[in-house]
Amino acid sequence: MSMVYLIGLVFIVMCAGFAGTLSVGWSKANRSENAGYGSGTGKKWTRLGLLYVLGVVIVLAVFFALLNR
């Protein structure tokens, strides 16, 4: 796989993530107030942190698999 295709793939994923973030931010449900929004933030941060760690592990695994091919 050529480096140009990999860079293109990264760009597409970044654009999709950006579009998804904007769509969530501008959604009608996101604009309404939620009284319980601030409760349970520790649990939310823990889950988010685990998702980031899992994502980094997956990216590193794919990177090393492609590197050793």
PDB file of N, CA and C in Angstrom:
ATOM      1  N   MET A   1       0.853  -1.173   0.000  1.00  0.00           N
ATOM      2  CA  MET A   1       0.000   0.000   0.000  1.00  0.00           C
ATOM      3  C   MET A   1       0.898   1.234   0.000  1.00  0.00           C
ATOM      4  N   SER A   2       0.634   2.104  -0.895  1.00  0.00           N
ATOM      5  CA  SER A   2       1.435   3.312  -1.043  1.00  0.00           C
ATOM      6  C   SER A   2       1.152   4.290   0.100  1.00  0.00           C
ATOM      7  N   MET A   3       2.160   5.075   0.413  1.00  0.00           N
ATOM      8  CA  MET A   3       2.024   6.057   1.487  1.00  0.00           C
ATOM      9  C   MET A   3       0.952   7.092   1.153  1.00  0.00           C
ATOM     10  N   VAL A   4       0.779   7.393  -0.129  1.00  0.00           N
ATOM     11  CA  VAL A   4      -0.242   8.364  -0.535  1.00  0.00           C
ATOM     12  C   VAL A   4      -1.626   7.871  -0.137  1.00  0.00           C
ATOM     13  N   TYR A   5      -1.879   6.572  -0.316  1.00  0.00           N
ATOM     14  CA  TYR A   5      -3.175   6.016   0.058  1.00  0.00           C
ATOM     15  C   TYR A   5      -3.371   6.047   1.570  1.00  0.00           C
ATOM     16  N   LEU A   6      -2.309   5.773   2.315  1.00  0.00           N
ATOM     17  CA  LEU A   6      -2.417   5.810   3.776  1.00  0.00           C
ATOM     18  C   LEU A   6      -2.694   7.229   4.273  1.00  0.00           C
ATOM     19  N   ILE A   7      -2.019   8.197   3.692  1.00  0.00           N
ATOM     20  CA  ILE A   7      -2.265   9.587   4.076  1.00  0.00           C
ATOM     21  C   ILE A   7      -3.696   9.981   3.716  1.00  0.00           C
ATOM     22  N   GLY A   8      -4.157   9.542   2.556  1.00  0.00           N
ATOM     23  CA  GLY A   8      -5.539   9.807   2.158  1.00  0.00           C
ATOM     24  C   GLY A   8      -6.532   9.176   3.110  1.00  0.00           C
ATOM     25  N   LEU A   9      -6.237   7.950   3.553  1.00  0.00           N
ATOM     26  CA  LEU A   9      -7.116   7.264   4.502  1.00  0.00           C
ATOM     27  C   LEU A   9      -7.167   8.007   5.832  1.00  0.00           C
ATOM     28  N   VAL A  10      -6.026   8.461   6.308  1.00  0.00           N
ATOM     29  CA  VAL A  10      -5.983   9.230   7.557  1.00  0.00           C
ATOM     30  C   VAL A  10      -6.786  10.519   7.407  1.00  0.00           C
ATOM     31  N   PHE A  11      -6.647  11.182   6.281  1.00  0.00           N
ATOM     32  CA  PHE A  11      -7.389  12.417   6.032  1.00  0.00           C
ATOM     33  C   PHE A  11      -8.896  12.160   6.024  1.00  0.00           C
ATOM     34  N   ILE A  12      -9.327  11.078   5.398  1.00  0.00           N
ATOM     35  CA  ILE A  12     -10.754  10.739   5.350  1.00  0.00           C
ATOM     36  C   ILE A  12     -11.291  10.461   6.748  1.00  0.00           C
ATOM     37  N   VAL A  13     -10.529   9.715   7.551  1.00  0.00           N
ATOM     38  CA  VAL A  13     -10.964   9.410   8.922  1.00  0.00           C
ATOM     39  C   VAL A  13     -11.040  10.688   9.753  1.00  0.00           C
ATOM     40  N   MET A  14     -10.063  11.577   9.580  1.00  0.00           N
ATOM     41  CA  MET A  14     -10.086  12.845  10.317  1.00  0.00           C
ATOM     42  C   MET A  14     -11.295  13.688   9.928  1.00  0.00           C
ATOM     43  N   CYS A  15     -11.599  13.748   8.647  1.00  0.00           N
ATOM     44  CA  CYS A  15     -12.761  14.521   8.189  1.00  0.00           C
ATOM     45  C   CYS A  15     -14.063  13.920   8.713  1.00  0.00           C
ATOM     46  N   ALA A  16     -14.147  12.589   8.725  1.00  0.00           N
ATOM     47  CA  ALA A  16     -15.348  11.933   9.245  1.00  0.00           C
ATOM     48  C   ALA A  16     -15.511  12.219  10.737  1.00  0.00           C
ATOM     49  N   GLY A  17     -14.420  12.187  11.485  1.00  0.00           N
ATOM     50  CA  GLY A  17     -14.479  12.509  12.907  1.00  0.00           C
ATOM     51  C   GLY A  17     -14.886  13.948  13.157  1.00  0.00           C
ATOM     52  N   PHE A  18     -14.367  14.847  12.349  1.00  0.00           N
ATOM     53  CA  PHE A  18     -14.724  16.263  12.464  1.00  0.00           C
ATOM     54  C   PHE A  18     -16.203  16.477  12.162  1.00  0.00           C
ATOM     55  N   ALA A  19     -16.689  15.841  11.094  1.00  0.00           N
ATOM     56  CA  ALA A  19     -18.106  15.970  10.729  1.00  0.00           C
ATOM     57  C   ALA A  19     -18.999  15.375  11.813  1.00  0.00           C
ATOM     58  N   GLY A  20     -18.594  14.249  12.383  1.00  0.00           N
ATOM     59  CA  GLY A  20     -19.371  13.639  13.459  1.00  0.00           C
ATOM     60  C   GLY A  20     -19.415  14.516  14.696  1.00  0.00           C
ATOM     61  N   THR A  21     -18.282  15.117  15.031  1.00  0.00           N
ATOM     62  CA  THR A  21     -18.229  16.014  16.185  1.00  0.00           C
ATOM     63  C   THR A  21     -19.141  17.218  15.985  1.00  0.00           C
ATOM     64  N   LEU A  22     -19.098  17.796  14.798  1.00  0.00           N
ATOM     65  CA  LEU A  22     -19.969  18.943  14.523  1.00  0.00           C
ATOM     66  C   LEU A  22     -21.440  18.554  14.557  1.00  0.00           C
ATOM     67  N   SER A  23     -21.778  17.385  14.020  1.00  0.00           N
ATOM     68  CA  SER A  23     -23.185  16.978  14.004  1.00  0.00           C
ATOM     69  C   SER A  23     -23.706  16.735  15.419  1.00  0.00           C
ATOM     70  N   VAL A  24     -22.878  16.197  16.289  1.00  0.00           N
ATOM     71  CA  VAL A  24     -23.298  16.008  17.686  1.00  0.00           C
ATOM     72  C   VAL A  24     -23.417  17.362  18.378  1.00  0.00           C
ATOM     73  N   GLY A  25     -22.465  18.245  18.144  1.00  0.00           N
ATOM     74  CA  GLY A  25     -22.481  19.558  18.788  1.00  0.00           C
ATOM     75  C   GLY A  25     -23.668  20.407  18.388  1.00  0.00           C
ATOM     76  N   TRP A  26     -24.108  20.274  17.156  1.00  0.00           N
ATOM     77  CA  TRP A  26     -25.218  21.084  16.662  1.00  0.00           C
ATOM     78  C   TRP A  26     -26.563  20.378  16.740  1.00  0.00           C
ATOM     79  N   SER A  27     -26.603  19.185  17.320  1.00  0.00           N
ATOM     80  CA  SER A  27     -27.863  18.443  17.363  1.00  0.00           C
ATOM     81  C   SER A  27     -28.860  19.106  18.309  1.00  0.00           C
ATOM     82  N   LYS A  28     -30.131  18.873  18.059  1.00  0.00           N
ATOM     83  CA  LYS A  28     -31.193  19.460  18.879  1.00  0.00           C
ATOM     84  C   LYS A  28     -31.114  18.935  20.311  1.00  0.00           C
ATOM     85  N   ALA A  29     -30.820  17.647  20.463  1.00  0.00           N
ATOM     86  CA  ALA A  29     -30.729  17.059  21.800  1.00  0.00           C
ATOM     87  C   ALA A  29     -29.577  17.669  22.597  1.00  0.00           C
ATOM     88  N   ASN A  30     -28.530  18.072  21.932  1.00  0.00           N
ATOM     89  CA  ASN A  30     -27.382  18.654  22.618  1.00  0.00           C
ATOM     90  C   ASN A  30     -27.667  20.080  23.089  1.00  0.00           C
ATOM     91  N   ARG A  31     -28.580  20.755  22.449  1.00  0.00           N
ATOM     92  CA  ARG A  31     -28.892  22.143  22.821  1.00  0.00           C
ATOM     93  C   ARG A  31     -29.820  22.237  24.029  1.00  0.00           C
ATOM     94  N   SER A  32     -30.592  21.200  24.296  1.00  0.00           N
ATOM     95  CA  SER A  32     -31.499  21.252  25.445  1.00  0.00           C
ATOM     96  C   SER A  32     -30.709  20.999  26.730  1.00  0.00           C
ATOM     97  N   GLU A  33     -31.121  21.669  27.798  1.00  0.00           N
ATOM     98  CA  GLU A  33     -30.418  21.539  29.069  1.00  0.00           C
ATOM     99  C   GLU A  33     -30.767  20.228  29.747  1.00  0.00           C
ATOM    100  N   ASN A  34     -29.772  19.658  30.414  1.00  0.00           N
ATOM    101  CA  ASN A  34     -29.955  18.428  31.164  1.00  0.00           C
ATOM    102  C   ASN A  34     -29.462  18.687  32.583  1.00  0.00           C
ATOM    103  N   ALA A  35     -30.365  18.619  33.548  1.00  0.00           N
ATOM    104  CA  ALA A  35     -30.014  18.928  34.937  1.00  0.00           C
ATOM    105  C   ALA A  35     -28.985  17.949  35.500  1.00  0.00           C
ATOM    106  N   GLY A  36     -28.992  16.714  35.049  1.00  0.00           N
ATOM    107  CA  GLY A  36     -28.067  15.709  35.566  1.00  0.00           C
ATOM    108  C   GLY A  36     -26.787  15.581  34.766  1.00  0.00           C
ATOM    109  N   TYR A  37     -26.482  16.575  33.955  1.00  0.00           N
ATOM    110  CA  TYR A  37     -25.311  16.488  33.078  1.00  0.00           C
ATOM    111  C   TYR A  37     -24.008  16.359  33.867  1.00  0.00           C
ATOM    112  N   GLY A  38     -23.877  17.104  34.934  1.00  0.00           N
ATOM    113  CA  GLY A  38     -22.627  17.110  35.692  1.00  0.00           C
ATOM    114  C   GLY A  38     -22.447  15.935  36.626  1.00  0.00           C
ATOM    115  N   SER A  39     -23.479  15.144  36.835  1.00  0.00           N
ATOM    116  CA  SER A  39     -23.346  14.027  37.772  1.00  0.00           C
ATOM    117  C   SER A  39     -22.683  12.837  37.089  1.00  0.00           C
ATOM    118  N   GLY A  40     -21.884  12.124  37.839  1.00  0.00           N
ATOM    119  CA  GLY A  40     -21.230  10.927  37.323  1.00  0.00           C
ATOM    120  C   GLY A  40     -20.110  11.208  36.346  1.00  0.00           C
ATOM    121  N   THR A  41     -19.443  12.347  36.508  1.00  0.00           N
ATOM    122  CA  THR A  41     -18.394  12.686  35.544  1.00  0.00           C
ATOM    123  C   THR A  41     -17.181  11.779  35.675  1.00  0.00           C
ATOM    124  N   GLY A  42     -16.899  11.307  36.884  1.00  0.00           N
ATOM    125  CA  GLY A  42     -15.750  10.414  37.065  1.00  0.00           C
ATOM    126  C   GLY A  42     -15.902   9.143  36.253  1.00  0.00           C
ATOM    127  N   LYS A  43     -17.090   8.592  36.261  1.00  0.00           N
ATOM    128  CA  LYS A  43     -17.371   7.378  35.500  1.00  0.00           C
ATOM    129  C   LYS A  43     -17.236   7.640  33.996  1.00  0.00           C
ATOM    130  N   LYS A  44     -17.711   8.799  33.573  1.00  0.00           N
ATOM    131  CA  LYS A  44     -17.627   9.156  32.149  1.00  0.00           C
ATOM    132  C   LYS A  44     -16.178   9.329  31.712  1.00  0.00           C
ATOM    133  N   TRP A  45     -15.368  10.001  32.541  1.00  0.00           N
ATOM    134  CA  TRP A  45     -13.967  10.209  32.194  1.00  0.00           C
ATOM    135  C   TRP A  45     -13.204   8.893  32.166  1.00  0.00           C
ATOM    136  N   THR A  46     -13.530   7.992  33.076  1.00  0.00           N
ATOM    137  CA  THR A  46     -12.879   6.684  33.085  1.00  0.00           C
ATOM    138  C   THR A  46     -13.195   5.922  31.808  1.00  0.00           C
ATOM    139  N   ARG A  47     -14.446   5.919  31.418  1.00  0.00           N
ATOM    140  CA  ARG A  47     -14.852   5.228  30.193  1.00  0.00           C
ATOM    141  C   ARG A  47     -14.198   5.857  28.965  1.00  0.00           C
ATOM    142  N   LEU A  48     -14.164   7.184  28.925  1.00  0.00           N
ATOM    143  CA  LEU A  48     -13.534   7.877  27.804  1.00  0.00           C
ATOM    144  C   LEU A  48     -12.037   7.569  27.745  1.00  0.00           C
ATOM    145  N   GLY A  49     -11.391   7.571  28.894  1.00  0.00           N
ATOM    146  CA  GLY A  49      -9.962   7.245  28.944  1.00  0.00           C
ATOM    147  C   GLY A  49      -9.683   5.841  28.452  1.00  0.00           C
ATOM    148  N   LEU A  50     -10.532   4.892  28.847  1.00  0.00           N
ATOM    149  CA  LEU A  50     -10.362   3.511  28.384  1.00  0.00           C
ATOM    150  C   LEU A  50     -10.560   3.404  26.877  1.00  0.00           C
ATOM    151  N   LEU A  51     -11.499   4.154  26.334  1.00  0.00           N
ATOM    152  CA  LEU A  51     -11.695   4.148  24.884  1.00  0.00           C
ATOM    153  C   LEU A  51     -10.468   4.709  24.164  1.00  0.00           C
ATOM    154  N   TYR A  52      -9.877   5.758  24.699  1.00  0.00           N
ATOM    155  CA  TYR A  52      -8.670   6.322  24.090  1.00  0.00           C
ATOM    156  C   TYR A  52      -7.509   5.330  24.166  1.00  0.00           C
ATOM    157  N   VAL A  53      -7.336   4.677  25.297  1.00  0.00           N
ATOM    158  CA  VAL A  53      -6.266   3.686  25.433  1.00  0.00           C
ATOM    159  C   VAL A  53      -6.480   2.546  24.444  1.00  0.00           C
ATOM    160  N   LEU A  54      -7.710   2.064  24.337  1.00  0.00           N
ATOM    161  CA  LEU A  54      -8.019   1.001  23.389  1.00  0.00           C
ATOM    162  C   LEU A  54      -7.733   1.449  21.957  1.00  0.00           C
ATOM    163  N   GLY A  55      -8.100   2.669  21.628  1.00  0.00           N
ATOM    164  CA  GLY A  55      -7.836   3.196  20.289  1.00  0.00           C
ATOM    165  C   GLY A  55      -6.351   3.279  19.984  1.00  0.00           C
ATOM    166  N   VAL A  56      -5.559   3.729  20.949  1.00  0.00           N
ATOM    167  CA  VAL A  56      -4.112   3.824  20.754  1.00  0.00           C
ATOM    168  C   VAL A  56      -3.512   2.436  20.567  1.00  0.00           C
ATOM    169  N   VAL A  57      -3.954   1.469  21.351  1.00  0.00           N
ATOM    170  CA  VAL A  57      -3.448   0.099  21.222  1.00  0.00           C
ATOM    171  C   VAL A  57      -3.776  -0.466  19.845  1.00  0.00           C
ATOM    172  N   ILE A  58      -4.987  -0.238  19.369  1.00  0.00           N
ATOM    173  CA  ILE A  58      -5.380  -0.739  18.045  1.00  0.00           C
ATOM    174  C   ILE A  58      -4.545  -0.075  16.950  1.00  0.00           C
ATOM    175  N   VAL A  59      -4.363   1.227  17.041  1.00  0.00           N
ATOM    176  CA  VAL A  59      -3.566   1.940  16.030  1.00  0.00           C
ATOM    177  C   VAL A  59      -2.123   1.449  16.041  1.00  0.00           C
ATOM    178  N   LEU A  60      -1.549   1.250  17.217  1.00  0.00           N
ATOM    179  CA  LEU A  60      -0.180   0.745  17.292  1.00  0.00           C
ATOM    180  C   LEU A  60      -0.073  -0.669  16.733  1.00  0.00           C
ATOM    181  N   ALA A  61      -1.060  -1.509  17.006  1.00  0.00           N
ATOM    182  CA  ALA A  61      -1.045  -2.873  16.476  1.00  0.00           C
ATOM    183  C   ALA A  61      -1.092  -2.865  14.953  1.00  0.00           C
ATOM    184  N   VAL A  62      -1.945  -2.032  14.391  1.00  0.00           N
ATOM    185  CA  VAL A  62      -2.029  -1.931  12.927  1.00  0.00           C
ATOM    186  C   VAL A  62      -0.731  -1.359  12.367  1.00  0.00           C
ATOM    187  N   PHE A  63      -0.186  -0.360  13.029  1.00  0.00           N
ATOM    188  CA  PHE A  63       1.064   0.252  12.574  1.00  0.00           C
ATOM    189  C   PHE A  63       2.191  -0.772  12.527  1.00  0.00           C
ATOM    190  N   PHE A  64       2.373  -1.534  13.605  1.00  0.00           N
ATOM    191  CA  PHE A  64       3.453  -2.517  13.631  1.00  0.00           C
ATOM    192  C   PHE A  64       3.185  -3.686  12.692  1.00  0.00           C
ATOM    193  N   ALA A  65       1.924  -4.036  12.495  1.00  0.00           N
ATOM    194  CA  ALA A  65       1.600  -5.092  11.535  1.00  0.00           C
ATOM    195  C   ALA A  65       1.974  -4.651  10.121  1.00  0.00           C
ATOM    196  N   LEU A  66       1.682  -3.405   9.781  1.00  0.00           N
ATOM    197  CA  LEU A  66       2.051  -2.891   8.460  1.00  0.00           C
ATOM    198  C   LEU A  66       3.561  -2.694   8.330  1.00  0.00           C
ATOM    199  N   LEU A  67       4.200  -2.326   9.425  1.00  0.00           N
ATOM    200  CA  LEU A  67       5.639  -2.091   9.410  1.00  0.00           C
ATOM    201  C   LEU A  67       6.412  -3.388   9.198  1.00  0.00           C
ATOM    202  N   ASN A  68       5.937  -4.470   9.772  1.00  0.00           N
ATOM    203  CA  ASN A  68       6.632  -5.758   9.691  1.00  0.00           C
ATOM    204  C   ASN A  68       6.177  -6.612   8.527  1.00  0.00           C
ATOM    205  N   ARG A  69       5.410  -6.074   7.648  1.00  0.00           N
ATOM    206  CA  ARG A  69       4.898  -6.830   6.508  1.00  0.00           C
ATOM    207  C   ARG A  69       5.947  -7.014   5.465  1.00  0.00           C
TER     208      ARG A  69
END
